[in-house]
C-alpha atoms as a PDB file:
ATOM      1  CA  MET A   1      33.845  -2.967  21.510  1.00  0.00           C
ATOM      2  CA  GLN A   2      33.798  -6.896  21.492  1.00  0.00           C
ATOM      3  CA  LYS A   3      30.663  -8.816  22.117  1.00  0.00           C
ATOM      4  CA  THR A   4      30.462 -11.133  25.132  1.00  0.00           C
ATOM      5  CA  GLY A   5      29.591 -14.687  25.000  1.00  0.00           C
ATOM      6  CA  LYS A   6      26.281 -13.892  26.404  1.00  0.00           C
ATOM      7  CA  SER A   7      25.403 -11.518  23.912  1.00  0.00           C
ATOM      8  CA  SER A   8      26.551 -13.656  20.754  1.00  0.00           C
ATOM      9  CA  ILE A   9      24.486 -16.284  22.450  1.00  0.00           C
ATOM     10  CA  ALA A  10      21.542 -13.657  22.435  1.00  0.00           C
ATOM     11  CA  ASP A  11      21.973 -12.645  18.820  1.00  0.00           C
ATOM     12  CA  ALA A  12      22.238 -16.306  17.649  1.00  0.00           C
ATOM     13  CA  GLY A  13      19.102 -16.995  19.578  1.00  0.00           C
ATOM     14  CA  LEU A  14      17.224 -13.878  18.155  1.00  0.00           C
ATOM     15  CA  TYR A  15      18.566 -15.032  14.595  1.00  0.00           C
ATOM     16  CA  LEU A  16      17.035 -18.595  15.037  1.00  0.00           C
ATOM     17  CA  GLN A  17      13.885 -16.856  16.276  1.00  0.00           C
ATOM     18  CA  ARG A  18      13.571 -14.886  12.898  1.00  0.00           C
ATOM     19  CA  GLN A  19      13.826 -18.009  10.946  1.00  0.00           C
ATOM     20  CA  ALA A  20      12.100 -20.981  12.028  1.00  0.00           C
ATOM     21  CA  ASP A  21       9.635 -21.961  14.712  1.00  0.00           C
ATOM     22  CA  SER A  22      12.455 -23.870  16.712  1.00  0.00           C
ATOM     23  CA  ALA A  23      16.115 -24.773  16.464  1.00  0.00           C
ATOM     24  CA  GLY A  24      14.852 -28.345  15.306  1.00  0.00           C
ATOM     25  CA  ARG A  25      12.536 -26.839  12.672  1.00  0.00           C
ATOM     26  CA  TYR A  26      15.293 -24.525  11.669  1.00  0.00           C
ATOM     27  CA  VAL A  27      17.911 -27.458  10.865  1.00  0.00           C
ATOM     28  CA  LEU A  28      15.423 -29.254   9.183  1.00  0.00           C
ATOM     29  CA  GLU A  29      14.222 -26.449   6.892  1.00  0.00           C
ATOM     30  CA  GLN A  30      17.770 -25.712   6.217  1.00  0.00           C
ATOM     31  CA  THR A  31      18.839 -29.248   5.850  1.00  0.00           C
ATOM     32  CA  VAL A  32      16.221 -30.169   2.989  1.00  0.00           C
ATOM     33  CA  GLN A  33      16.648 -26.664   1.056  1.00  0.00           C
ATOM     34  CA  SER A  34      20.313 -27.358   1.373  1.00  0.00           C
ATOM     35  CA  LEU A  35      20.449 -30.812  -0.198  1.00  0.00           C
ATOM     36  CA  PHE A  36      17.676 -30.421  -2.758  1.00  0.00           C
ATOM     37  CA  GLY A  37      17.262 -26.564  -3.498  1.00  0.00           C
ATOM     38  CA  TRP A  38      19.821 -26.563  -5.858  1.00  0.00           C
ATOM     39  CA  ILE A  39      19.325 -29.219  -8.301  1.00  0.00           C
ATOM     40  CA  PRO A  40      18.507 -27.719 -11.551  1.00  0.00           C
ATOM     41  CA  THR A  41      15.697 -28.577 -14.421  1.00  0.00           C
ATOM     42  CA  ALA A  42      12.534 -30.752 -14.438  1.00  0.00           C
ATOM     43  CA  LEU A  43      14.533 -33.022 -12.260  1.00  0.00           C
ATOM     44  CA  GLY A  44      14.786 -30.628  -9.451  1.00  0.00           C
ATOM     45  CA  ILE A  45      11.426 -29.866  -9.441  1.00  0.00           C
ATOM     46  CA  GLY A  46      10.384 -33.634  -9.441  1.00  0.00           C
ATOM     47  CA  ILE A  47      12.427 -34.110  -6.571  1.00  0.00           C
ATOM     48  CA  ARG A  48      11.530 -30.778  -4.321  1.00  0.00           C
ATOM     49  CA  ALA A  49       7.731 -31.844  -5.199  1.00  0.00           C
ATOM     50  CA  ILE A  50       8.623 -34.945  -2.957  1.00  0.00           C
ATOM     51  CA  ALA A  51      11.093 -33.685  -0.527  1.00  0.00           C
ATOM     52  CA  TYR A  52       9.562 -30.494   0.383  1.00  0.00           C
ATOM     53  CA  ARG A  53       6.702 -31.685   1.846  1.00  0.00           C
ATOM     54  CA  SER A  54       8.354 -32.527   4.751  1.00  0.00           C
ATOM     55  CA  ILE A  55       8.524 -28.700   5.456  1.00  0.00           C
ATOM     56  CA  LEU A  56       5.813 -27.204   3.966  1.00  0.00           C
ATOM     57  CA  SER A  57       2.165 -27.970   3.060  1.00  0.00           C
ATOM     58  CA  MET A  58       1.155 -29.163  -0.238  1.00  0.00           C
ATOM     59  CA  ARG A  59      -2.013 -30.211  -1.921  1.00  0.00           C
ATOM     60  CA  GLY A  60      -1.078 -32.151  -5.173  1.00  0.00           C
ATOM     61  CA  VAL A  61       1.914 -31.443  -6.961  1.00  0.00           C
ATOM     62  CA  ALA A  62       3.648 -27.786  -6.946  1.00  0.00           C
ATOM     63  CA  ALA A  63       6.583 -26.675  -9.033  1.00  0.00           C
ATOM     64  CA  ILE A  64       9.423 -25.110  -7.140  1.00  0.00           C
ATOM     65  CA  GLU A  65      12.457 -23.920  -9.001  1.00  0.00           C
ATOM     66  CA  LYS A  66      16.052 -24.200  -8.041  1.00  0.00           C
ATOM     67  CA  GLY A  67      17.105 -21.155  -5.721  1.00  0.00           C
ATOM     68  CA  VAL A  68      13.760 -20.440  -3.944  1.00  0.00           C
ATOM     69  CA  ARG A  69      14.265 -19.659  -0.023  1.00  0.00           C
ATOM     70  CA  LEU A  70      11.848 -20.220   2.586  1.00  0.00           C
ATOM     71  CA  ARG A  71      11.824 -19.399   6.124  1.00  0.00           C
ATOM     72  CA  PHE A  72       9.183 -20.565   8.625  1.00  0.00           C
ATOM     73  CA  ALA A  73       8.175 -22.877   5.635  1.00  0.00           C
ATOM     74  CA  ASN A  74       6.148 -25.055   7.875  1.00  0.00           C
ATOM     75  CA  ARG A  75       3.554 -22.093   7.610  1.00  0.00           C
ATOM     76  CA  LEU A  76       3.693 -22.073   3.728  1.00  0.00           C
ATOM     77  CA  ALA A  77       0.557 -23.655   1.956  1.00  0.00           C
ATOM     78  CA  LEU A  78       1.177 -24.203  -1.805  1.00  0.00           C
ATOM     79  CA  GLY A  79      -1.859 -25.435  -3.995  1.00  0.00           C
ATOM     80  CA  ALA A  80      -1.833 -27.783  -6.479  1.00  0.00           C
ATOM     81  CA  GLY A  81      -0.116 -26.552  -9.841  1.00  0.00           C
ATOM     82  CA  SER A  82       1.113 -23.641  -7.887  1.00  0.00           C
ATOM     83  CA  TYR A  83       4.832 -22.294  -9.135  1.00  0.00           C
ATOM     84  CA  LEU A  84       7.264 -20.559  -7.621  1.00  0.00           C
ATOM     85  CA  ASP A  85      10.101 -19.289  -9.842  1.00  0.00           C
ATOM     86  CA  GLN A  86      13.730 -19.194  -9.336  1.00  0.00           C
ATOM     87  CA  GLY A  87      14.764 -16.455  -6.558  1.00  0.00           C
ATOM     88  CA  VAL A  88      11.376 -16.318  -5.060  1.00  0.00           C
ATOM     89  CA  TYR A  89      11.584 -15.407  -1.198  1.00  0.00           C
ATOM     90  CA  ILE A  90       9.183 -16.274   1.072  1.00  0.00           C
ATOM     91  CA  HIS A  91       8.838 -15.284   4.884  1.00  0.00           C
ATOM     92  CA  ALA A  92       5.851 -16.858   6.282  1.00  0.00           C
ATOM     93  CA  CYS A  93       5.872 -15.866   9.835  1.00  0.00           C
ATOM     94  CA  PRO A  94       3.875 -15.241  11.974  1.00  0.00           C
ATOM     95  CA  ASN A  95       0.446 -16.499  10.553  1.00  0.00           C
ATOM     96  CA  GLY A  96       1.330 -17.656   7.581  1.00  0.00           C
ATOM     97  CA  VAL A  97       1.513 -17.544   3.521  1.00  0.00           C
ATOM     98  CA  GLN A  98      -1.045 -19.577   1.319  1.00  0.00           C
ATOM     99  CA  ILE A  99      -0.780 -19.952  -2.317  1.00  0.00           C
ATOM    100  CA  GLY A 100      -3.821 -21.164  -4.298  1.00  0.00           C
ATOM    101  CA  ASP A 101      -3.849 -23.792  -7.180  1.00  0.00           C
ATOM    102  CA  GLY A 102      -2.308 -22.696 -10.110  1.00  0.00           C
ATOM    103  CA  THR A 103      -1.008 -19.289  -9.058  1.00  0.00           C
ATOM    104  CA  MET A 104       2.206 -18.545 -10.133  1.00  0.00           C
ATOM    105  CA  VAL A 105       5.241 -16.102  -8.170  1.00  0.00           C
ATOM    106  CA  MET A 106       7.683 -15.078 -10.842  1.00  0.00           C
ATOM    107  CA  HIS A 107      11.339 -14.679 -10.254  1.00  0.00           C
ATOM    108  CA  GLY A 108      12.732 -12.355  -7.919  1.00  0.00           C
ATOM    109  CA  ALA A 109       9.449 -11.781  -5.738  1.00  0.00           C
ATOM    110  CA  VAL A 110       9.350 -11.633  -2.282  1.00  0.00           C
ATOM    111  CA  LEU A 111       6.095 -12.276   0.164  1.00  0.00           C
ATOM    112  CA  HIS A 112       7.051 -11.381   3.549  1.00  0.00           C
ATOM    113  CA  VAL A 113       5.125 -11.572   6.647  1.00  0.00           C
ATOM    114  CA  TYR A 114       8.129 -11.305   8.908  1.00  0.00           C
ATOM    115  CA  ASN A 115       7.017  -9.348  11.951  1.00  0.00           C
ATOM    116  CA  PHE A 116       7.148 -10.185  15.624  1.00  0.00           C
ATOM    117  CA  ARG A 117       4.771  -7.562  17.286  1.00  0.00           C
ATOM    118  CA  ARG A 118       1.659 -10.332  17.701  1.00  0.00           C
ATOM    119  CA  LEU A 119      -0.226  -8.235  15.161  1.00  0.00           C
ATOM    120  CA  PRO A 120      -3.501  -9.953  14.753  1.00  0.00           C
ATOM    121  CA  LYS A 121      -4.026  -9.985  11.004  1.00  0.00           C
ATOM    122  CA  ALA A 122      -0.653 -10.600   9.741  1.00  0.00           C
ATOM    123  CA  GLY A 123      -0.118 -13.104   6.805  1.00  0.00           C
ATOM    124  CA  ILE A 124      -0.530 -13.128   2.830  1.00  0.00           C
ATOM    125  CA  ARG A 125      -3.464 -15.304   1.374  1.00  0.00           C
ATOM    126  CA  ILE A 126      -3.706 -15.684  -2.489  1.00  0.00           C
ATOM    127  CA  GLY A 127      -6.456 -17.182  -4.232  1.00  0.00           C
ATOM    128  CA  ARG A 128      -6.141 -19.569  -7.358  1.00  0.00           C
ATOM    129  CA  ASP A 129      -4.914 -18.644 -11.104  1.00  0.00           C
ATOM    130  CA  SER A 130      -3.427 -15.424  -9.998  1.00  0.00           C
ATOM    131  CA  LEU A 131       0.227 -14.352 -11.226  1.00  0.00           C
ATOM    132  CA  ILE A 132       2.476 -12.282  -9.050  1.00  0.00           C
ATOM    133  CA  GLY A 133       5.179 -10.667 -11.464  1.00  0.00           C
ATOM    134  CA  GLU A 134       8.963 -10.575 -11.237  1.00  0.00           C
ATOM    135  CA  TYR A 135      10.697  -8.278  -8.516  1.00  0.00           C
ATOM    136  CA  SER A 136       7.352  -7.786  -6.970  1.00  0.00           C
ATOM    137  CA  VAL A 137       6.780  -6.922  -3.258  1.00  0.00           C
ATOM    138  CA  ILE A 138       3.656  -8.229  -0.891  1.00  0.00           C
ATOM    139  CA  ARG A 139       4.489  -7.292   2.992  1.00  0.00           C
ATOM    140  CA  GLY A 140       1.784  -8.863   4.782  1.00  0.00           C
ATOM    141  CA  GLN A 141       2.225  -7.258   8.464  1.00  0.00           C
ATOM    142  CA  GLY A 142      -1.443  -5.908   8.312  1.00  0.00           C
ATOM    143  CA  GLY A 143      -2.887  -8.946   6.393  1.00  0.00           C
ATOM    144  CA  VAL A 144      -3.266  -9.005   2.555  1.00  0.00           C
ATOM    145  CA  SER A 145      -5.957 -10.729   0.538  1.00  0.00           C
ATOM    146  CA  ILE A 146      -5.539 -11.574  -2.954  1.00  0.00           C
ATOM    147  CA  GLY A 147      -8.543 -13.058  -4.991  1.00  0.00           C
ATOM    148  CA  ASP A 148      -8.584 -15.501  -7.855  1.00  0.00           C
ATOM    149  CA  ARG A 149      -7.270 -14.828 -11.327  1.00  0.00           C
ATOM    150  CA  VAL A 150      -5.448 -11.740 -10.154  1.00  0.00           C
ATOM    151  CA  TYR A 151      -2.501 -10.456 -11.909  1.00  0.00           C
ATOM    152  CA  ALA A 152       0.303  -8.341 -10.378  1.00  0.00           C
ATOM    153  CA  SER A 153       2.795  -7.173 -13.121  1.00  0.00           C
ATOM    154  CA  PRO A 154       6.469  -6.995 -12.650  1.00  0.00           C
ATOM    155  CA  MET A 155       7.920  -4.610  -9.933  1.00  0.00           C
ATOM    156  CA  THR A 156       4.448  -4.244  -7.992  1.00  0.00           C
ATOM    157  CA  GLN A 157       4.515  -3.493  -4.333  1.00  0.00           C
ATOM    158  CA  ILE A 158       1.457  -4.435  -2.162  1.00  0.00           C
ATOM    159  CA  LEU A 159       2.782  -3.097   1.231  1.00  0.00           C
ATOM    160  CA  ALA A 160       0.211  -3.980   4.252  1.00  0.00           C
ATOM    161  CA  VAL A 161       2.475  -1.728   6.744  1.00  0.00           C
ATOM    162  CA  ASP A 162       2.798   1.822   7.164  1.00  0.00           C
ATOM    163  CA  HIS A 163       5.276   4.139   9.766  1.00  0.00           C
ATOM    164  CA  VAL A 164       4.313   6.493  12.016  1.00  0.00           C
ATOM    165  CA  PHE A 165       5.842   9.707  11.669  1.00  0.00           C
ATOM    166  CA  ASP A 166       3.880  12.351  13.608  1.00  0.00           C
ATOM    167  CA  ASP A 167       6.444  13.613  16.158  1.00  0.00           C
ATOM    168  CA  PRO A 168       9.260  15.579  14.724  1.00  0.00           C
ATOM    169  CA  GLN A 169      11.130  15.068  18.301  1.00  0.00           C
ATOM    170  CA  ARG A 170      11.475  11.360  17.541  1.00  0.00           C
ATOM    171  CA  PRO A 171      13.132   9.215  15.253  1.00  0.00           C
ATOM    172  CA  PHE A 172       9.992   7.397  13.295  1.00  0.00           C
ATOM    173  CA  VAL A 173      11.981   3.869  14.113  1.00  0.00           C
ATOM    174  CA  GLU A 174      10.542   4.590  17.780  1.00  0.00           C
ATOM    175  CA  GLN A 175       6.916   5.853  16.794  1.00  0.00           C
ATOM    176  CA  GLY A 176       5.748   2.385  15.739  1.00  0.00           C
ATOM    177  CA  ILE A 177       3.555   1.384  12.950  1.00  0.00           C
ATOM    178  CA  THR A 178      -0.014   0.479  11.273  1.00  0.00           C
ATOM    179  CA  ALA A 179      -1.070  -2.477   9.453  1.00  0.00           C
ATOM    180  CA  GLN A 180      -4.678  -2.166   8.522  1.00  0.00           C
ATOM    181  CA  GLY A 181      -4.315  -4.780   5.770  1.00  0.00           C
ATOM    182  CA  ILE A 182      -5.334  -4.798   1.968  1.00  0.00           C
ATOM    183  CA  GLU A 183      -8.075  -6.646  -0.058  1.00  0.00           C
ATOM    184  CA  ILE A 184      -7.725  -7.199  -3.720  1.00  0.00           C
ATOM    185  CA  GLU A 185     -10.802  -9.140  -4.901  1.00  0.00           C
ATOM    186  CA  ASP A 186     -11.146 -11.294  -7.923  1.00  0.00           C
ATOM    187  CA  ASP A 187     -10.198 -10.502 -11.225  1.00  0.00           C
ATOM    188  CA  VAL A 188      -7.925  -7.373 -10.768  1.00  0.00           C
ATOM    189  CA  TRP A 189      -5.154  -6.398 -12.727  1.00  0.00           C
ATOM    190  CA  ILE A 190      -2.210  -4.364 -11.481  1.00  0.00           C
ATOM    191  CA  GLY A 191       0.120  -2.699 -13.803  1.00  0.00           C
ATOM    192  CA  GLY A 192       4.033  -2.859 -13.862  1.00  0.00           C
ATOM    193  CA  GLY A 193       5.382  -0.592 -10.818  1.00  0.00           C
ATOM    194  CA  ALA A 194       2.314   0.226  -9.048  1.00  0.00           C
ATOM    195  CA  ILE A 195       2.076   0.456  -5.702  1.00  0.00           C
ATOM    196  CA  VAL A 196      -0.873  -0.285  -3.282  1.00  0.00           C
ATOM    197  CA  THR A 197      -0.569   1.086   0.309  1.00  0.00           C
ATOM    198  CA  ASP A 198      -1.839   0.290   3.530  1.00  0.00           C
ATOM    199  CA  GLY A 199      -5.605   0.093   4.208  1.00  0.00           C
ATOM    200  CA  VAL A 200      -6.654  -0.349   0.717  1.00  0.00           C
ATOM    201  CA  ARG A 201      -9.702  -2.479  -0.927  1.00  0.00           C
ATOM    202  CA  ILE A 202      -9.355  -2.817  -4.467  1.00  0.00           C
ATOM    203  CA  GLY A 203     -12.746  -4.298  -6.053  1.00  0.00           C
ATOM    204  CA  ARG A 204     -13.415  -7.079  -8.185  1.00  0.00           C
ATOM    205  CA  GLY A 205     -12.700  -6.430 -12.047  1.00  0.00           C
ATOM    206  CA  ALA A 206     -10.599  -3.128 -11.397  1.00  0.00           C
ATOM    207  CA  VAL A 207      -7.503  -2.168 -13.464  1.00  0.00           C
ATOM    208  CA  VAL A 208      -4.614  -0.365 -11.718  1.00  0.00           C
ATOM    209  CA  ALA A 209      -2.402   1.537 -14.347  1.00  0.00           C
ATOM    210  CA  ALA A 210       1.437   1.275 -14.534  1.00  0.00           C
ATOM    211  CA  GLY A 211       2.988   3.506 -11.967  1.00  0.00           C
ATOM    212  CA  ALA A 212       0.070   4.206  -9.827  1.00  0.00           C
ATOM    213  CA  VAL A 213      -0.004   4.826  -6.060  1.00  0.00           C
ATOM    214  CA  VAL A 214      -3.000   3.269  -4.532  1.00  0.00           C
ATOM    215  CA  SER A 215      -3.804   5.290  -1.530  1.00  0.00           C
ATOM    216  CA  SER A 216      -7.570   4.611  -1.428  1.00  0.00           C
ATOM    217  CA  ASP A 217      -9.960   2.200  -2.051  1.00  0.00           C
ATOM    218  CA  VAL A 218     -10.771   1.560  -5.790  1.00  0.00           C
ATOM    219  CA  PRO A 219     -14.372   0.473  -6.881  1.00  0.00           C
ATOM    220  CA  PRO A 220     -15.421  -2.673  -9.126  1.00  0.00           C
ATOM    221  CA  HIS A 221     -14.805  -2.486 -12.697  1.00  0.00           C
ATOM    222  CA  SER A 222     -12.933   1.019 -12.570  1.00  0.00           C
ATOM    223  CA  VAL A 223      -9.484   1.804 -14.115  1.00  0.00           C
ATOM    224  CA  VAL A 224      -7.330   4.092 -11.709  1.00  0.00           C
ATOM    225  CA  ALA A 225      -4.226   6.092 -12.652  1.00  0.00           C
ATOM    226  CA  GLY A 226      -1.786   8.470 -11.086  1.00  0.00           C
ATOM    227  CA  VAL A 227      -0.102   9.654  -7.936  1.00  0.00           C
ATOM    228  CA  PRO A 228      -2.247   9.417  -5.937  1.00  0.00           C
ATOM    229  CA  ALA A 229      -4.630   6.912  -8.212  1.00  0.00           C
ATOM    230  CA  ARG A 230      -7.806   8.493  -9.077  1.00  0.00           C
ATOM    231  CA  VAL A 231     -10.332   6.811 -10.989  1.00  0.00           C
ATOM    232  CA  VAL A 232     -10.021   7.587 -14.870  1.00  0.00           C
ATOM    233  CA  ARG A 233     -12.807   5.699 -16.335  1.00  0.00           C
ATOM    234  CA  LYS A 234     -15.158   2.296 -15.852  1.00  0.00           C
ATOM    235  CA  VAL A 235     -13.874  -0.923 -17.449  1.00  0.00           C
ATOM    236  CA  GLY A 236     -15.879  -1.343 -20.930  1.00  0.00           C
ATOM    237  CA  GLU A 237     -16.410   2.447 -21.354  1.00  0.00           C
ATOM    238  CA  ASP A 238     -14.020   2.512 -24.604  1.00  0.00           C
ATOM    239  CA  HIS A 239     -15.137  -1.432 -25.721  1.00  0.00           C
ATOM    240  CA  ALA A 240     -15.376   0.219 -29.241  1.00  0.00           C
ATOM    241  CA  SER A 241     -11.540   0.745 -29.320  1.00  0.00           C
ATOM    242  CA  LEU A 242     -11.264  -3.161 -29.678  1.00  0.00           C
ATOM    243  CA  ARG A 243     -12.212  -2.235 -33.520  1.00  0.00           C
ATOM    244  CA  ASP A 244      -8.738  -0.872 -33.585  1.00  0.00           C
ATOM    245  CA  ARG A 245      -6.566  -3.710 -31.989  1.00  0.00           C
ATOM    246  CA  THR A 246      -5.807  -7.598 -32.559  1.00  0.00           C
ATOM    247  CA  VAL A 247      -6.837  -9.547 -29.489  1.00  0.00           C
ATOM    248  CA  TYR A 248      -5.160 -12.919 -28.881  1.00  0.00           C
ATOM    249  CA  PHE A 249      -6.935 -15.732 -26.766  1.00  0.00           C
END
């Protein structure tokens, strides 16, 4: 069945609503990214550090590699010395993405607040000197708050949204979502491939083992592992084992 002209126009309007605050902003943001987003090497980083100030908030100088895709760029705030690696995708609607001073978002990572249900806490806030590893995903529909010096290893998932599927007679896509939010305090290390689910708080100085699925709160300075993740020890309990390892600083 062919679409009518009215439905095509409606589809185009819906597409624009999912890309930018207005048609004018869409044109501006896409034009700036098309003109300057492909330029390689340090030259491109330098040009983008100047040109991208017209579409986003940048404190000091931030480094943006080529091939970074931004949507709702006017709701993105980059701190001084922050870094977006090649292939990063950030969709900042509705309540924005803030990336702190010195924080690095590595290749292929996705920071996504894409949601149009008017959720009150939607957004992503990352503190200073943190790291979001390669191909990691952060979904901020319920709000994600990440502290200072938090390291998320490659392919981690931080998902502040969940589907409701209580009624077996209805498709889950018709039953709505929950969006409680996720808080990760300072000095947390999340191992590769770990998943943090909605409604979780990870305490300061905690360690999440690789591959763990965190579905409940993690106490400060504890190590959790497994599916679902459980406390296996406190940080520092095996400090004596350092005698058998070479540690670099």
